[in-house]
């Protein structure tokens, strides 16, 4: 892929051929032009992001800015002894749960 004098991304026939091979689809020579113009249009939409100058913000992501954090919830860690976990286990050996072999 390359850019023309207007900055538009140009897609070559070879780009389309390689992409179709990677996608495991077979396209005819007639379809190459259709895919080429569609791909150039898609890439043109992405080039808009370069023009608006997206930068990282110290105030967080847009999701973080608009989400309310549940400050009322206080998480706590509970410590259990191994016996509470192994009590209901059918088999437990050397600190691990033992399960039946399913692949021979």
N, C-alpha and C. Protein backbone atom coordinates (compact mmCIF):
# COMPACT_ATOMS: atom_id res chain seq x y z
N UNK A 1 0.85 -1.18 0.00
CA UNK A 1 0.00 0.00 0.00
C UNK A 1 0.89 1.23 0.00
N UNK A 2 0.40 2.26 -0.64
CA UNK A 2 1.14 3.52 -0.71
C UNK A 2 0.14 4.66 -0.69
N UNK A 3 0.66 5.88 -0.55
CA UNK A 3 -0.19 7.08 -0.55
C UNK A 3 0.05 7.85 -1.84
N UNK A 4 -1.04 8.42 -2.38
CA UNK A 4 -0.88 9.26 -3.56
C UNK A 4 -0.58 10.69 -3.12
N UNK A 5 -0.54 11.64 -4.06
CA UNK A 5 -0.17 13.02 -3.74
C UNK A 5 -1.18 13.69 -2.82
N UNK A 6 -2.43 13.22 -2.80
CA UNK A 6 -3.46 13.78 -1.92
C UNK A 6 -3.46 13.14 -0.54
N UNK A 7 -2.58 12.16 -0.33
CA UNK A 7 -2.54 11.46 0.95
C UNK A 7 -3.50 10.28 1.02
N UNK A 8 -4.21 10.00 -0.08
CA UNK A 8 -5.14 8.88 -0.12
C UNK A 8 -4.35 7.57 -0.20
N UNK A 9 -4.74 6.59 0.57
CA UNK A 9 -4.06 5.30 0.55
C UNK A 9 -4.43 4.54 -0.71
N UNK A 10 -3.41 4.14 -1.44
CA UNK A 10 -3.61 3.39 -2.68
C UNK A 10 -3.32 1.92 -2.40
N UNK A 11 -4.21 1.05 -2.85
CA UNK A 11 -4.08 -0.38 -2.65
C UNK A 11 -3.75 -1.00 -4.01
N UNK A 12 -2.74 -1.85 -4.03
CA UNK A 12 -2.34 -2.50 -5.29
C UNK A 12 -3.07 -3.83 -5.47
N UNK A 13 -3.02 -4.33 -6.70
CA UNK A 13 -3.59 -5.65 -6.98
C UNK A 13 -2.90 -6.72 -6.14
N UNK A 14 -1.60 -6.55 -5.94
CA UNK A 14 -0.83 -7.50 -5.14
C UNK A 14 -1.31 -7.49 -3.69
N UNK A 15 -1.63 -6.30 -3.15
CA UNK A 15 -2.17 -6.21 -1.79
C UNK A 15 -3.47 -7.01 -1.67
N UNK A 16 -4.32 -6.88 -2.68
CA UNK A 16 -5.59 -7.61 -2.67
C UNK A 16 -5.35 -9.11 -2.78
N UNK A 17 -4.41 -9.51 -3.63
CA UNK A 17 -4.11 -10.93 -3.80
C UNK A 17 -3.59 -11.53 -2.49
N UNK A 18 -2.66 -10.85 -1.83
CA UNK A 18 -2.10 -11.34 -0.57
C UNK A 18 -3.18 -11.40 0.51
N UNK A 19 -4.00 -10.36 0.58
CA UNK A 19 -5.07 -10.32 1.57
C UNK A 19 -6.07 -11.45 1.35
N UNK A 20 -6.40 -11.73 0.09
CA UNK A 20 -7.35 -12.82 -0.19
C UNK A 20 -6.75 -14.17 0.18
N UNK A 21 -5.45 -14.33 -0.03
CA UNK A 21 -4.80 -15.58 0.37
C UNK A 21 -4.81 -15.74 1.89
N UNK A 22 -4.51 -14.66 2.61
CA UNK A 22 -4.52 -14.72 4.07
C UNK A 22 -5.91 -14.99 4.62
N UNK A 23 -6.93 -14.46 3.94
CA UNK A 23 -8.31 -14.66 4.37
C UNK A 23 -8.88 -15.97 3.85
N UNK A 24 -8.10 -16.68 3.06
CA UNK A 24 -8.52 -17.96 2.47
C UNK A 24 -9.80 -17.81 1.65
N UNK A 25 -9.84 -16.73 0.84
CA UNK A 25 -10.96 -16.56 -0.08
C UNK A 25 -10.41 -16.46 -1.49
N UNK A 26 -11.18 -16.94 -2.42
CA UNK A 26 -10.76 -16.90 -3.81
C UNK A 26 -11.54 -15.79 -4.51
N UNK A 27 -10.83 -14.85 -5.13
CA UNK A 27 -11.50 -13.77 -5.84
C UNK A 27 -11.04 -13.77 -7.30
N UNK A 28 -11.94 -13.37 -8.16
CA UNK A 28 -11.63 -13.33 -9.58
C UNK A 28 -10.93 -12.01 -9.92
N UNK A 29 -10.40 -11.93 -11.11
CA UNK A 29 -9.73 -10.69 -11.55
C UNK A 29 -10.73 -9.53 -11.61
N UNK A 30 -11.99 -9.84 -11.93
CA UNK A 30 -13.02 -8.79 -11.98
C UNK A 30 -13.32 -8.24 -10.58
N UNK A 31 -13.22 -9.11 -9.58
CA UNK A 31 -13.53 -8.68 -8.21
C UNK A 31 -12.40 -7.88 -7.58
N UNK A 32 -11.20 -7.97 -8.12
CA UNK A 32 -10.05 -7.26 -7.54
C UNK A 32 -10.32 -5.76 -7.49
N UNK A 33 -10.85 -5.17 -8.55
CA UNK A 33 -11.13 -3.73 -8.58
C UNK A 33 -12.19 -3.35 -7.54
N UNK A 34 -13.20 -4.20 -7.38
CA UNK A 34 -14.25 -3.93 -6.40
C UNK A 34 -13.66 -3.92 -5.00
N UNK A 35 -12.86 -4.95 -4.69
CA UNK A 35 -12.25 -5.03 -3.37
C UNK A 35 -11.24 -3.91 -3.16
N UNK A 36 -10.52 -3.54 -4.21
CA UNK A 36 -9.51 -2.48 -4.09
C UNK A 36 -10.17 -1.16 -3.73
N UNK A 37 -11.25 -0.79 -4.43
CA UNK A 37 -11.92 0.49 -4.12
C UNK A 37 -12.57 0.45 -2.74
N UNK A 38 -13.13 -0.70 -2.35
CA UNK A 38 -13.75 -0.80 -1.03
C UNK A 38 -12.70 -0.67 0.08
N UNK A 39 -11.55 -1.32 -0.11
CA UNK A 39 -10.48 -1.24 0.88
C UNK A 39 -9.91 0.17 0.97
N UNK A 40 -9.74 0.84 -0.15
CA UNK A 40 -9.25 2.22 -0.14
C UNK A 40 -10.22 3.14 0.59
N UNK A 41 -11.53 2.90 0.42
CA UNK A 41 -12.53 3.71 1.13
C UNK A 41 -12.46 3.46 2.64
N UNK A 42 -12.31 2.21 3.04
CA UNK A 42 -12.21 1.88 4.47
C UNK A 42 -10.97 2.52 5.07
N UNK A 43 -9.84 2.40 4.38
CA UNK A 43 -8.60 3.01 4.88
C UNK A 43 -8.70 4.53 4.94
N UNK A 44 -9.46 5.11 4.02
CA UNK A 44 -9.69 6.55 4.05
C UNK A 44 -10.41 6.99 5.31
N UNK A 45 -11.36 6.17 5.76
CA UNK A 45 -12.06 6.49 7.01
C UNK A 45 -11.10 6.46 8.20
N UNK A 46 -10.16 5.51 8.20
CA UNK A 46 -9.20 5.44 9.28
C UNK A 46 -8.22 6.61 9.25
N UNK A 47 -7.95 7.15 8.08
CA UNK A 47 -7.01 8.26 7.99
C UNK A 47 -7.55 9.52 8.67
N UNK A 48 -8.85 9.57 8.88
CA UNK A 48 -9.45 10.70 9.60
C UNK A 48 -8.89 10.77 11.02
N UNK A 49 -8.60 9.61 11.60
CA UNK A 49 -8.05 9.59 12.96
C UNK A 49 -6.70 10.30 13.04
N UNK A 50 -5.91 10.20 11.98
CA UNK A 50 -4.62 10.90 11.95
C UNK A 50 -4.82 12.41 11.95
N UNK A 51 -5.87 12.86 11.29
CA UNK A 51 -6.11 14.30 11.16
C UNK A 51 -6.62 14.93 12.46
N UNK A 52 -7.32 14.17 13.29
CA UNK A 52 -7.87 14.79 14.50
C UNK A 52 -6.90 14.75 15.67
N UNK A 53 -5.79 14.06 15.53
CA UNK A 53 -4.73 14.10 16.54
C UNK A 53 -5.13 13.51 17.88
N UNK A 54 -5.39 12.25 17.91
CA UNK A 54 -5.75 11.59 19.16
C UNK A 54 -4.50 11.43 20.01
N UNK A 55 -4.58 11.85 21.27
CA UNK A 55 -3.47 11.70 22.20
C UNK A 55 -3.99 11.09 23.50
N UNK A 56 -3.08 10.53 24.26
CA UNK A 56 -3.46 9.96 25.55
C UNK A 56 -3.80 11.08 26.52
N UNK A 57 -4.80 10.84 27.33
CA UNK A 57 -5.25 11.84 28.28
C UNK A 57 -5.00 11.38 29.70
N UNK A 58 -4.55 12.27 30.56
CA UNK A 58 -4.32 11.91 31.95
C UNK A 58 -5.62 11.81 32.74
N UNK A 59 -6.71 12.30 32.15
CA UNK A 59 -7.98 12.25 32.87
C UNK A 59 -8.74 10.96 32.63
N UNK A 60 -8.14 10.01 31.92
CA UNK A 60 -8.76 8.71 31.73
C UNK A 60 -9.41 8.57 30.37
N UNK A 61 -9.94 7.39 30.16
CA UNK A 61 -10.61 7.10 28.90
C UNK A 61 -12.02 7.67 28.92
N UNK A 62 -12.67 7.80 27.76
CA UNK A 62 -14.06 8.28 27.76
C UNK A 62 -14.98 7.41 28.60
N UNK A 63 -14.73 6.12 28.64
CA UNK A 63 -15.55 5.22 29.46
C UNK A 63 -15.37 5.56 30.93
N UNK A 64 -14.11 5.75 31.35
CA UNK A 64 -13.85 6.07 32.75
C UNK A 64 -14.46 7.40 33.15
N UNK A 65 -14.50 8.35 32.23
CA UNK A 65 -15.05 9.67 32.54
C UNK A 65 -16.55 9.61 32.80
N UNK A 66 -17.26 8.70 32.12
CA UNK A 66 -18.71 8.69 32.20
C UNK A 66 -19.29 7.59 33.09
N UNK A 67 -18.46 6.69 33.57
CA UNK A 67 -18.94 5.61 34.43
C UNK A 67 -18.89 6.05 35.89
N UNK A 68 -19.89 5.65 36.61
CA UNK A 68 -19.89 5.93 38.04
C UNK A 68 -19.26 4.75 38.77
N UNK A 69 -18.38 5.05 39.66
CA UNK A 69 -17.71 4.00 40.42
C UNK A 69 -18.51 3.74 41.68
N UNK A 70 -18.71 2.49 41.99
CA UNK A 70 -19.46 2.09 43.17
C UNK A 70 -18.54 2.20 44.39
N UNK A 71 -18.57 3.37 45.05
CA UNK A 71 -17.72 3.58 46.22
C UNK A 71 -18.26 2.90 47.46
N UNK A 72 -19.52 2.48 47.43
CA UNK A 72 -20.12 1.87 48.62
C UNK A 72 -19.62 0.45 48.83
N UNK A 73 -19.16 -0.18 47.79
CA UNK A 73 -18.73 -1.57 47.91
C UNK A 73 -17.31 -1.63 48.45
N UNK A 74 -17.13 -2.38 49.49
CA UNK A 74 -15.82 -2.58 50.07
C UNK A 74 -15.43 -4.03 49.88
N UNK A 75 -14.49 -4.27 48.99
CA UNK A 75 -14.03 -5.62 48.75
C UNK A 75 -13.10 -6.05 49.87
N UNK A 76 -13.18 -7.31 50.19
CA UNK A 76 -12.26 -7.84 51.19
C UNK A 76 -11.85 -9.24 50.77
N UNK A 77 -10.67 -9.61 51.16
CA UNK A 77 -10.16 -10.92 50.82
C UNK A 77 -10.44 -11.88 51.96
N UNK A 78 -10.95 -13.04 51.62
CA UNK A 78 -11.25 -14.04 52.63
C UNK A 78 -10.22 -15.16 52.52
N UNK A 79 -9.63 -15.53 53.62
CA UNK A 79 -8.63 -16.59 53.64
C UNK A 79 -9.31 -17.87 54.11
N UNK A 80 -9.14 -18.92 53.33
CA UNK A 80 -9.70 -20.23 53.70
C UNK A 80 -8.56 -21.21 53.91
N UNK A 81 -8.81 -22.16 54.77
CA UNK A 81 -7.81 -23.21 54.91
C UNK A 81 -8.04 -24.27 53.82
N UNK A 82 -7.05 -25.05 53.54
CA UNK A 82 -7.16 -26.05 52.48
C UNK A 82 -8.23 -27.09 52.76
N UNK A 83 -8.51 -27.34 54.02
CA UNK A 83 -9.50 -28.37 54.34
C UNK A 83 -10.89 -27.97 53.86
N UNK A 84 -11.20 -26.68 53.85
CA UNK A 84 -12.52 -26.28 53.39
C UNK A 84 -12.69 -26.52 51.89
N UNK A 85 -11.59 -26.49 51.13
CA UNK A 85 -11.66 -26.76 49.70
C UNK A 85 -11.64 -28.25 49.41
N UNK A 86 -10.85 -28.97 50.16
CA UNK A 86 -10.68 -30.40 49.87
C UNK A 86 -11.79 -31.25 50.47
N UNK A 87 -12.55 -30.71 51.36
CA UNK A 87 -13.60 -31.47 52.05
C UNK A 87 -14.59 -32.08 51.05
N UNK A 88 -14.99 -31.33 50.01
CA UNK A 88 -15.98 -31.81 49.06
C UNK A 88 -15.36 -32.37 47.78
N UNK A 89 -14.06 -32.39 47.71
CA UNK A 89 -13.40 -32.90 46.50
C UNK A 89 -13.42 -34.42 46.52
N UNK A 90 -13.75 -35.04 45.37
CA UNK A 90 -13.75 -36.50 45.34
C UNK A 90 -12.35 -37.06 45.59
N UNK A 91 -11.32 -36.42 45.01
CA UNK A 91 -9.95 -36.86 45.23
C UNK A 91 -9.03 -35.65 45.30
N UNK A 92 -8.07 -35.72 46.21
CA UNK A 92 -7.13 -34.62 46.39
C UNK A 92 -5.79 -35.25 46.74
N UNK A 93 -4.75 -34.89 45.98
CA UNK A 93 -3.45 -35.53 46.19
C UNK A 93 -2.32 -34.52 46.02
N UNK A 94 -1.42 -34.44 46.94
CA UNK A 94 -0.25 -33.56 46.89
C UNK A 94 -0.61 -32.10 46.63
N UNK A 95 -1.70 -31.64 47.20
CA UNK A 95 -2.10 -30.24 47.06
C UNK A 95 -2.86 -29.94 45.79
N UNK A 96 -3.27 -30.96 45.02
CA UNK A 96 -3.99 -30.77 43.77
C UNK A 96 -5.26 -31.60 43.75
N UNK A 97 -6.28 -31.08 43.04
CA UNK A 97 -7.47 -31.86 42.80
C UNK A 97 -7.12 -32.93 41.77
N UNK A 98 -7.59 -34.14 41.98
CA UNK A 98 -7.34 -35.23 41.05
C UNK A 98 -8.62 -35.47 40.26
N UNK A 99 -8.47 -35.49 38.92
CA UNK A 99 -9.64 -35.71 38.06
C UNK A 99 -9.37 -36.92 37.18
N UNK A 100 -10.42 -37.56 36.68
CA UNK A 100 -10.20 -38.71 35.80
C UNK A 100 -9.53 -38.29 34.49
N UNK A 101 -8.70 -39.15 33.95
CA UNK A 101 -8.02 -38.89 32.69
C UNK A 101 -9.07 -38.98 31.57
N UNK A 102 -9.17 -37.93 30.72
CA UNK A 102 -10.16 -37.95 29.67
C UNK A 102 -9.54 -38.09 28.29
N UNK A 103 -8.23 -37.91 28.18
CA UNK A 103 -7.53 -38.09 26.91
C UNK A 103 -6.46 -39.13 27.13
N UNK A 104 -6.47 -40.17 26.29
CA UNK A 104 -5.46 -41.21 26.50
C UNK A 104 -4.24 -40.98 25.66
